[in-house]
Amino acid sequence: MKMYSFVVLKTGPVEVTDEDSVSFYMTGHLVNISRLVEEGKLSVAGPFGPNDLDYRSFFIRNAQSTEEAQELLGVDLAIARGNFKTEIIPVYSSSALPTYLEN
């Protein structure tokens, strides 16, 4: 068993309306996600369906603390700009979680 960080991305205060900016920030967001997967710091991620909570997507980060999770989030262009705001919740789960998700 080990600690992970469950991160919820919510609609942020900064609204991006022009297509070039949306493309730029979402591309940066997806590049960051890919980098974290390659580094073994992201176990699972995905978007939420439509909801009344402004929840956009979630991550389960391989981060031992909220501070470490915040550092990993800080380099994400869309989060840094304010397109998303975050909620981080510590989660205690199986240390084998990443291997469950390989298939």
Protein backbone atom coordinates (compact mmCIF):
# COMPACT_ATOMS: atom_id res chain seq x y z
CA MET A 1 0.00 0.00 0.00
CA LYS A 2 1.15 3.55 -0.69
CA MET A 3 -0.06 7.12 -0.97
CA TYR A 4 -1.24 8.61 -4.25
CA SER A 5 -2.83 11.93 -5.04
CA PHE A 6 -6.29 11.99 -6.56
CA VAL A 7 -6.53 15.23 -8.53
CA VAL A 8 -9.75 16.69 -9.87
CA LEU A 9 -9.49 19.34 -12.57
CA LYS A 10 -12.35 21.79 -12.50
CA THR A 11 -13.28 24.62 -14.84
CA GLY A 12 -10.93 27.46 -13.96
CA PRO A 13 -11.45 31.21 -13.76
CA VAL A 14 -9.73 31.96 -17.09
CA GLU A 15 -11.86 31.29 -20.13
CA VAL A 16 -10.07 30.80 -23.45
CA THR A 17 -12.25 31.53 -26.42
CA ASP A 18 -10.08 31.76 -29.54
CA GLU A 19 -9.27 28.45 -31.22
CA ASP A 20 -5.50 29.05 -31.45
CA SER A 21 -5.23 29.60 -27.69
CA VAL A 22 -7.45 26.61 -26.90
CA SER A 23 -5.26 24.46 -29.15
CA PHE A 24 -2.02 25.80 -27.63
CA TYR A 25 -3.03 25.24 -24.00
CA MET A 26 -4.67 21.86 -24.56
CA THR A 27 -1.65 20.66 -26.55
CA GLY A 28 0.60 21.73 -23.66
CA HIS A 29 -1.74 20.00 -21.21
CA LEU A 30 -1.66 16.73 -23.18
CA VAL A 31 2.12 16.89 -23.66
CA ASN A 32 2.49 17.26 -19.90
CA ILE A 33 0.22 14.27 -19.29
CA SER A 34 2.29 12.15 -21.71
CA ARG A 35 5.52 13.22 -20.01
CA LEU A 36 4.17 12.28 -16.58
CA VAL A 37 3.09 8.85 -17.86
CA GLU A 38 6.57 8.25 -19.30
CA GLU A 39 8.17 9.29 -15.98
CA GLY A 40 5.88 6.95 -14.02
CA LYS A 41 4.25 9.84 -12.14
CA LEU A 42 0.74 9.40 -13.53
CA SER A 43 -1.17 6.18 -12.97
CA VAL A 44 -4.51 6.98 -14.58
CA ALA A 45 -6.30 9.99 -16.04
CA GLY A 46 -9.48 10.72 -17.92
CA PRO A 47 -12.23 13.22 -18.58
CA PHE A 48 -15.53 13.32 -16.74
CA GLY A 49 -18.81 13.30 -18.59
CA PRO A 50 -21.14 16.28 -18.38
CA ASN A 51 -21.87 17.24 -14.75
CA ASP A 52 -23.10 20.12 -12.60
CA LEU A 53 -19.89 20.28 -10.50
CA ASP A 54 -17.62 21.90 -13.14
CA TYR A 55 -15.48 18.72 -12.95
CA ARG A 56 -13.51 18.34 -16.19
CA SER A 57 -11.12 15.43 -15.60
CA PHE A 58 -9.14 13.53 -12.98
CA PHE A 59 -5.67 12.10 -12.38
CA ILE A 60 -4.29 9.60 -9.97
CA ARG A 61 -0.75 10.86 -9.47
CA ASN A 62 2.10 8.81 -8.20
CA ALA A 63 2.91 11.54 -5.68
CA GLN A 64 3.61 10.92 -2.02
CA SER A 65 2.33 14.30 -0.85
CA THR A 66 0.01 17.14 -1.79
CA GLU A 67 3.07 19.37 -2.23
CA GLU A 68 4.65 16.95 -4.71
CA ALA A 69 1.37 16.74 -6.64
CA GLN A 70 1.16 20.55 -6.74
CA GLU A 71 4.70 20.71 -8.15
CA LEU A 72 3.74 18.25 -10.91
CA LEU A 73 0.63 20.29 -11.69
CA GLY A 74 2.49 23.59 -11.73
CA VAL A 75 4.20 22.91 -15.05
CA ASP A 76 0.94 22.18 -16.88
CA LEU A 77 0.23 25.16 -19.17
CA ALA A 78 -3.57 24.98 -18.87
CA ILE A 79 -3.45 24.75 -15.08
CA ALA A 80 -0.79 27.47 -14.71
CA ARG A 81 -2.84 29.83 -16.91
CA GLY A 82 -6.05 29.23 -14.95
CA ASN A 83 -8.03 27.24 -17.51
CA PHE A 84 -8.33 24.58 -14.83
CA LYS A 85 -8.30 24.75 -11.06
CA THR A 86 -7.39 21.72 -9.00
CA GLU A 87 -8.47 19.78 -5.95
CA ILE A 88 -5.94 17.31 -4.52
CA ILE A 89 -7.02 14.49 -2.21
CA PRO A 90 -4.53 12.00 -0.71
CA VAL A 91 -5.51 8.40 -1.47
CA TYR A 92 -4.08 5.26 0.11
CA SER A 93 -4.14 2.39 -2.38
CA SER A 94 -2.26 -0.64 -3.64
CA SER A 95 1.33 0.00 -4.67
CA ALA A 96 0.57 -2.26 -7.64
CA LEU A 97 -2.05 0.18 -8.99
CA PRO A 98 0.00 1.12 -12.07
CA THR A 99 0.38 -2.55 -13.05
CA TYR A 100 -3.38 -3.12 -12.81
CA LEU A 101 -3.89 -0.47 -15.44
CA GLU A 102 -1.39 -1.71 -18.03
CA ASN A 103 -3.97 -3.86 -19.80
